[in-house]
Structure formats: C-alpha cells, structure tokens
C-alpha cells in the first residue's frame, strides 16, 4: 500500500510544481483580489426555499468496483 501512496505523492508534487511554474503566486493573488465577492451559498438556498423552489444539493456517484 505504501508504494501506491509514494507514487501518488510523487505525481502530486510534480503536478503542483508544474502548476506553480505555469501560474506564479503573485498572479494567483492578483486574480483573487480582482474576483467578485462570493455569492453567499446559504443566502441563495434560503431565497430558493422562500420562493417555494427546490433547494437540493446532491451528488450521484457510480459504485466503485473492487478488483479482487
């Protein structure tokens, strides 16, 4: 099992390094400052409920089939 985790760790470290190289931190920070304010998740749900609309959050996933 640890071999799999080591492979995942190596892959993720490479992925993060590539992302940092593609878009430097200063650029990410500038984009964050220029972004509009969050919409307010709870308030959006409450507005829908008040209007009598559905306010459902759901996720459907396929079952994971094990390879035994």
PDB file of N, CA and C in Angstrom:
ATOM      1  N   UNK A   1       0.828  -1.197   0.000  1.00  0.00           N
ATOM      2  CA  UNK A   1       0.000   0.000   0.000  1.00  0.00           C
ATOM      3  C   UNK A   1       0.866   1.253   0.000  1.00  0.00           C
ATOM      4  N   UNK A   2       1.952   1.256   0.743  1.00  0.00           N
ATOM      5  CA  UNK A   2       2.791   2.450   0.819  1.00  0.00           C
ATOM      6  C   UNK A   2       3.418   2.782  -0.521  1.00  0.00           C
ATOM      7  N   UNK A   3       3.635   1.781  -1.351  1.00  0.00           N
ATOM      8  CA  UNK A   3       4.179   2.025  -2.682  1.00  0.00           C
ATOM      9  C   UNK A   3       3.205   2.856  -3.514  1.00  0.00           C
ATOM     10  N   UNK A   4       1.937   2.548  -3.391  1.00  0.00           N
ATOM     11  CA  UNK A   4       0.909   3.306  -4.114  1.00  0.00           C
ATOM     12  C   UNK A   4       0.880   4.747  -3.606  1.00  0.00           C
ATOM     13  N   UNK A   5       0.934   4.909  -2.297  1.00  0.00           N
ATOM     14  CA  UNK A   5       0.924   6.260  -1.725  1.00  0.00           C
ATOM     15  C   UNK A   5       2.150   7.054  -2.151  1.00  0.00           C
ATOM     16  N   UNK A   6       3.285   6.399  -2.232  1.00  0.00           N
ATOM     17  CA  UNK A   6       4.509   7.077  -2.674  1.00  0.00           C
ATOM     18  C   UNK A   6       4.371   7.538  -4.118  1.00  0.00           C
ATOM     19  N   UNK A   7       3.767   6.715  -4.953  1.00  0.00           N
ATOM     20  CA  UNK A   7       3.549   7.092  -6.356  1.00  0.00           C
ATOM     21  C   UNK A   7       2.608   8.290  -6.454  1.00  0.00           C
ATOM     22  N   UNK A   8       1.544   8.259  -5.652  1.00  0.00           N
ATOM     23  CA  UNK A   8       0.588   9.377  -5.652  1.00  0.00           C
ATOM     24  C   UNK A   8       1.284  10.652  -5.170  1.00  0.00           C
ATOM     25  N   UNK A   9       2.081  10.529  -4.114  1.00  0.00           N
ATOM     26  CA  UNK A   9       2.790  11.694  -3.599  1.00  0.00           C
ATOM     27  C   UNK A   9       3.730  12.282  -4.651  1.00  0.00           C
ATOM     28  N   UNK A  10       4.483  11.428  -5.315  1.00  0.00           N
ATOM     29  CA  UNK A  10       5.416  11.898  -6.344  1.00  0.00           C
ATOM     30  C   UNK A  10       4.668  12.604  -7.469  1.00  0.00           C
ATOM     31  N   UNK A  11       3.585  11.987  -7.926  1.00  0.00           N
ATOM     32  CA  UNK A  11       2.796  12.573  -9.011  1.00  0.00           C
ATOM     33  C   UNK A  11       2.239  13.936  -8.596  1.00  0.00           C
ATOM     34  N   UNK A  12       1.689  14.017  -7.399  1.00  0.00           N
ATOM     35  CA  UNK A  12       1.094  15.277  -6.935  1.00  0.00           C
ATOM     36  C   UNK A  12       2.140  16.375  -6.763  1.00  0.00           C
ATOM     37  N   UNK A  13       3.297  16.017  -6.258  1.00  0.00           N
ATOM     38  CA  UNK A  13       4.356  17.020  -6.108  1.00  0.00           C
ATOM     39  C   UNK A  13       4.773  17.572  -7.464  1.00  0.00           C
ATOM     40  N   UNK A  14       4.871  16.694  -8.461  1.00  0.00           N
ATOM     41  CA  UNK A  14       5.204  17.144  -9.820  1.00  0.00           C
ATOM     42  C   UNK A  14       4.092  18.013 -10.395  1.00  0.00           C
ATOM     43  N   UNK A  15       2.853  17.612 -10.151  1.00  0.00           N
ATOM     44  CA  UNK A  15       1.697  18.373 -10.642  1.00  0.00           C
ATOM     45  C   UNK A  15       1.661  19.770 -10.018  1.00  0.00           C
ATOM     46  N   UNK A  16       1.906  19.862  -8.731  1.00  0.00           N
ATOM     47  CA  UNK A  16       1.901  21.153  -8.037  1.00  0.00           C
ATOM     48  C   UNK A  16       3.042  22.038  -8.529  1.00  0.00           C
ATOM     49  N   UNK A  17       4.210  21.454  -8.716  1.00  0.00           N
ATOM     50  CA  UNK A  17       5.358  22.223  -9.214  1.00  0.00           C
ATOM     51  C   UNK A  17       5.067  22.783 -10.599  1.00  0.00           C
ATOM     52  N   UNK A  18       4.445  21.985 -11.455  1.00  0.00           N
ATOM     53  CA  UNK A  18       4.105  22.445 -12.806  1.00  0.00           C
ATOM     54  C   UNK A  18       3.073  23.571 -12.747  1.00  0.00           C
ATOM     55  N   UNK A  19       2.093  23.446 -11.851  1.00  0.00           N
ATOM     56  CA  UNK A  19       1.067  24.484 -11.718  1.00  0.00           C
ATOM     57  C   UNK A  19       1.670  25.792 -11.214  1.00  0.00           C
ATOM     58  N   UNK A  20       2.592  25.683 -10.262  1.00  0.00           N
ATOM     59  CA  UNK A  20       3.257  26.890  -9.747  1.00  0.00           C
ATOM     60  C   UNK A  20       4.097  27.556 -10.833  1.00  0.00           C
ATOM     61  N   UNK A  21       4.713  26.756 -11.671  1.00  0.00           N
ATOM     62  CA  UNK A  21       5.523  27.301 -12.764  1.00  0.00           C
ATOM     63  C   UNK A  21       4.629  27.966 -13.816  1.00  0.00           C
ATOM     64  N   UNK A  22       3.488  27.360 -14.097  1.00  0.00           N
ATOM     65  CA  UNK A  22       2.577  27.888 -15.116  1.00  0.00           C
ATOM     66  C   UNK A  22       1.902  29.184 -14.674  1.00  0.00           C
ATOM     67  N   UNK A  23       1.646  29.304 -13.365  1.00  0.00           N
ATOM     68  CA  UNK A  23       0.944  30.491 -12.856  1.00  0.00           C
ATOM     69  C   UNK A  23       1.534  30.867 -11.501  1.00  0.00           C
ATOM     70  N   UNK A  24       2.419  31.835 -11.481  1.00  0.00           N
ATOM     71  CA  UNK A  24       3.092  32.219 -10.226  1.00  0.00           C
ATOM     72  C   UNK A  24       2.109  32.728  -9.164  1.00  0.00           C
ATOM     73  N   UNK A  25       2.534  32.639  -7.908  1.00  0.00           N
ATOM     74  CA  UNK A  25       1.705  33.038  -6.777  1.00  0.00           C
ATOM     75  C   UNK A  25       1.210  34.477  -6.904  1.00  0.00           C
ATOM     76  N   UNK A  26       2.045  35.383  -7.341  1.00  0.00           N
ATOM     77  CA  UNK A  26       1.632  36.796  -7.475  1.00  0.00           C
ATOM     78  C   UNK A  26       0.462  36.926  -8.442  1.00  0.00           C
ATOM     79  N   UNK A  27       0.480  36.144  -9.491  1.00  0.00           N
ATOM     80  CA  UNK A  27      -0.606  36.176 -10.471  1.00  0.00           C
ATOM     81  C   UNK A  27      -1.903  35.619  -9.868  1.00  0.00           C
ATOM     82  N   UNK A  28      -1.788  34.562  -9.085  1.00  0.00           N
ATOM     83  CA  UNK A  28      -2.960  33.985  -8.417  1.00  0.00           C
ATOM     84  C   UNK A  28      -3.537  34.977  -7.416  1.00  0.00           C
ATOM     85  N   UNK A  29      -2.673  35.610  -6.652  1.00  0.00           N
ATOM     86  CA  UNK A  29      -3.137  36.602  -5.673  1.00  0.00           C
ATOM     87  C   UNK A  29      -3.835  37.777  -6.341  1.00  0.00           C
ATOM     88  N   UNK A  30      -3.289  38.248  -7.456  1.00  0.00           N
ATOM     89  CA  UNK A  30      -3.916  39.365  -8.174  1.00  0.00           C
ATOM     90  C   UNK A  30      -5.295  38.968  -8.693  1.00  0.00           C
ATOM     91  N   UNK A  31      -5.410  37.761  -9.212  1.00  0.00           N
ATOM     92  CA  UNK A  31      -6.705  37.281  -9.713  1.00  0.00           C
ATOM     93  C   UNK A  31      -7.710  37.162  -8.565  1.00  0.00           C
ATOM     94  N   UNK A  32      -7.258  36.706  -7.397  1.00  0.00           N
ATOM     95  CA  UNK A  32      -8.141  36.579  -6.238  1.00  0.00           C
ATOM     96  C   UNK A  32      -8.643  37.942  -5.777  1.00  0.00           C
ATOM     97  N   UNK A  33      -7.766  38.934  -5.776  1.00  0.00           N
ATOM     98  CA  UNK A  33      -8.170  40.283  -5.356  1.00  0.00           C
ATOM     99  C   UNK A  33      -9.151  40.913  -6.345  1.00  0.00           C
ATOM    100  N   UNK A  34      -9.008  40.579  -7.624  1.00  0.00           N
ATOM    101  CA  UNK A  34      -9.873  41.153  -8.653  1.00  0.00           C
ATOM    102  C   UNK A  34     -11.201  40.408  -8.786  1.00  0.00           C
ATOM    103  N   UNK A  35     -11.315  39.240  -8.186  1.00  0.00           N
ATOM    104  CA  UNK A  35     -12.526  38.423  -8.315  1.00  0.00           C
ATOM    105  C   UNK A  35     -13.687  39.071  -7.563  1.00  0.00           C
ATOM    106  N   UNK A  36     -14.907  38.865  -8.046  1.00  0.00           N
ATOM    107  CA  UNK A  36     -16.069  39.397  -7.333  1.00  0.00           C
ATOM    108  C   UNK A  36     -16.257  38.679  -5.990  1.00  0.00           C
ATOM    109  N   UNK A  37     -17.004  39.290  -5.108  1.00  0.00           N
ATOM    110  CA  UNK A  37     -17.278  38.697  -3.795  1.00  0.00           C
ATOM    111  C   UNK A  37     -18.056  37.393  -3.961  1.00  0.00           C
ATOM    112  N   UNK A  38     -17.926  36.483  -3.010  1.00  0.00           N
ATOM    113  CA  UNK A  38     -18.705  35.236  -3.083  1.00  0.00           C
ATOM    114  C   UNK A  38     -20.193  35.531  -3.091  1.00  0.00           C
ATOM    115  N   UNK A  39     -20.937  34.657  -3.744  1.00  0.00           N
ATOM    116  CA  UNK A  39     -22.373  34.881  -3.888  1.00  0.00           C
ATOM    117  C   UNK A  39     -23.164  34.628  -2.619  1.00  0.00           C
ATOM    118  N   UNK A  40     -22.661  33.885  -1.710  1.00  0.00           N
ATOM    119  CA  UNK A  40     -23.413  33.597  -0.488  1.00  0.00           C
ATOM    120  C   UNK A  40     -24.252  32.348  -0.655  1.00  0.00           C
ATOM    121  N   UNK A  41     -23.661  31.219  -0.388  1.00  0.00           N
ATOM    122  CA  UNK A  41     -24.307  29.936  -0.620  1.00  0.00           C
ATOM    123  C   UNK A  41     -25.579  29.773   0.203  1.00  0.00           C
ATOM    124  N   UNK A  42     -25.494  30.016   1.493  1.00  0.00           N
ATOM    125  CA  UNK A  42     -26.654  29.846   2.362  1.00  0.00           C
ATOM    126  C   UNK A  42     -27.785  30.792   1.966  1.00  0.00           C
ATOM    127  N   UNK A  43     -27.449  32.030   1.662  1.00  0.00           N
ATOM    128  CA  UNK A  43     -28.474  33.000   1.265  1.00  0.00           C
ATOM    129  C   UNK A  43     -29.170  32.561  -0.018  1.00  0.00           C
ATOM    130  N   UNK A  44     -28.426  31.982  -0.955  1.00  0.00           N
ATOM    131  CA  UNK A  44     -29.025  31.509  -2.205  1.00  0.00           C
ATOM    132  C   UNK A  44     -30.013  30.377  -1.934  1.00  0.00           C
ATOM    133  N   UNK A  45     -29.653  29.463  -1.058  1.00  0.00           N
ATOM    134  CA  UNK A  45     -30.580  28.382  -0.704  1.00  0.00           C
ATOM    135  C   UNK A  45     -31.836  28.930  -0.032  1.00  0.00           C
ATOM    136  N   UNK A  46     -31.636  29.868   0.888  1.00  0.00           N
ATOM    137  CA  UNK A  46     -32.782  30.438   1.603  1.00  0.00           C
ATOM    138  C   UNK A  46     -33.723  31.173   0.654  1.00  0.00           C
ATOM    139  N   UNK A  47     -33.175  31.880  -0.332  1.00  0.00           N
ATOM    140  CA  UNK A  47     -34.023  32.577  -1.314  1.00  0.00           C
ATOM    141  C   UNK A  47     -34.866  31.583  -2.103  1.00  0.00           C
ATOM    142  N   UNK A  48     -34.268  30.484  -2.512  1.00  0.00           N
ATOM    143  CA  UNK A  48     -34.997  29.474  -3.282  1.00  0.00           C
ATOM    144  C   UNK A  48     -36.121  28.857  -2.443  1.00  0.00           C
ATOM    145  N   UNK A  49     -35.830  28.561  -1.188  1.00  0.00           N
ATOM    146  CA  UNK A  49     -36.848  27.974  -0.310  1.00  0.00           C
ATOM    147  C   UNK A  49     -37.991  28.962  -0.101  1.00  0.00           C
ATOM    148  N   UNK A  50     -37.650  30.228   0.086  1.00  0.00           N
ATOM    149  CA  UNK A  50     -38.667  31.267   0.306  1.00  0.00           C
ATOM    150  C   UNK A  50     -39.596  31.385  -0.908  1.00  0.00           C
ATOM    151  N   UNK A  51     -39.029  31.212  -2.121  1.00  0.00           N
ATOM    152  CA  UNK A  51     -39.838  31.261  -3.350  1.00  0.00           C
ATOM    153  C   UNK A  51     -40.637  29.981  -3.567  1.00  0.00           C
ATOM    154  N   UNK A  52     -40.366  28.964  -2.763  1.00  0.00           N
ATOM    155  CA  UNK A  52     -41.055  27.692  -2.929  1.00  0.00           C
ATOM    156  C   UNK A  52     -40.365  26.770  -3.926  1.00  0.00           C
ATOM    157  N   UNK A  53     -39.138  27.112  -4.309  1.00  0.00           N
ATOM    158  CA  UNK A  53     -38.362  26.277  -5.236  1.00  0.00           C
ATOM    159  C   UNK A  53     -37.593  25.215  -4.455  1.00  0.00           C
ATOM    160  N   UNK A  54     -37.112  24.245  -5.199  1.00  0.00           N
ATOM    161  CA  UNK A  54     -36.252  23.230  -4.591  1.00  0.00           C
ATOM    162  C   UNK A  54     -34.904  23.854  -4.245  1.00  0.00           C
ATOM    163  N   UNK A  55     -34.350  23.399  -3.154  1.00  0.00           N
ATOM    164  CA  UNK A  55     -33.010  23.815  -2.744  1.00  0.00           C
ATOM    165  C   UNK A  55     -32.269  22.540  -2.352  1.00  0.00           C
ATOM    166  N   UNK A  56     -31.977  21.758  -3.346  1.00  0.00           N
ATOM    167  CA  UNK A  56     -31.399  20.441  -3.125  1.00  0.00           C
ATOM    168  C   UNK A  56     -29.938  20.412  -3.540  1.00  0.00           C
ATOM    169  N   UNK A  57     -29.141  19.815  -2.705  1.00  0.00           N
ATOM    170  CA  UNK A  57     -27.735  19.597  -3.025  1.00  0.00           C
ATOM    171  C   UNK A  57     -27.551  18.095  -3.066  1.00  0.00           C
ATOM    172  N   UNK A  58     -27.089  17.578  -4.196  1.00  0.00           N
ATOM    173  CA  UNK A  58     -26.953  16.131  -4.311  1.00  0.00           C
ATOM    174  C   UNK A  58     -25.753  15.775  -5.173  1.00  0.00           C
ATOM    175  N   UNK A  59     -25.277  14.589  -4.945  1.00  0.00           N
ATOM    176  CA  UNK A  59     -24.197  14.063  -5.758  1.00  0.00           C
ATOM    177  C   UNK A  59     -24.477  12.585  -5.967  1.00  0.00           C
ATOM    178  N   UNK A  60     -24.380  12.154  -7.197  1.00  0.00           N
ATOM    179  CA  UNK A  60     -24.599  10.752  -7.511  1.00  0.00           C
ATOM    180  C   UNK A  60     -23.301  10.202  -8.055  1.00  0.00           C
ATOM    181  N   UNK A  61     -22.857   9.120  -7.472  1.00  0.00           N
ATOM    182  CA  UNK A  61     -21.612   8.505  -7.918  1.00  0.00           C
ATOM    183  C   UNK A  61     -21.866   7.050  -8.270  1.00  0.00           C
ATOM    184  N   UNK A  62     -21.103   6.592  -9.215  1.00  0.00           N
ATOM    185  CA  UNK A  62     -21.156   5.171  -9.527  1.00  0.00           C
ATOM    186  C   UNK A  62     -20.445   4.412  -8.420  1.00  0.00           C
ATOM    187  N   UNK A  63     -20.931   3.223  -8.112  1.00  0.00           N
ATOM    188  CA  UNK A  63     -20.230   2.434  -7.101  1.00  0.00           C
ATOM    189  C   UNK A  63     -18.831   2.050  -7.597  1.00  0.00           C
ATOM    190  N   UNK A  64     -17.908   2.012  -6.692  1.00  0.00           N
ATOM    191  CA  UNK A  64     -16.556   1.605  -7.022  1.00  0.00           C
ATOM    192  C   UNK A  64     -16.497   0.089  -6.996  1.00  0.00           C
ATOM    193  N   UNK A  65     -16.035  -0.459  -8.094  1.00  0.00           N
ATOM    194  CA  UNK A  65     -15.927  -1.926  -8.163  1.00  0.00           C
ATOM    195  C   UNK A  65     -14.499  -2.326  -7.837  1.00  0.00           C
ATOM    196  N   UNK A  66     -14.377  -3.179  -6.881  1.00  0.00           N
ATOM    197  CA  UNK A  66     -13.054  -3.632  -6.468  1.00  0.00           C
ATOM    198  C   UNK A  66     -12.539  -4.697  -7.417  1.00  0.00           C
ATOM    199  N   UNK A  67     -11.275  -4.672  -7.628  1.00  0.00           N
ATOM    200  CA  UNK A  67     -10.616  -5.683  -8.456  1.00  0.00           C
ATOM    201  C   UNK A  67     -10.006  -6.732  -7.531  1.00  0.00           C
ATOM    202  N   UNK A  68     -10.739  -7.779  -7.262  1.00  0.00           N
ATOM    203  CA  UNK A  68     -10.218  -8.837  -6.386  1.00  0.00           C
ATOM    204  C   UNK A  68      -9.677  -9.996  -7.184  1.00  0.00           C
TER     205      UNK A  68
END
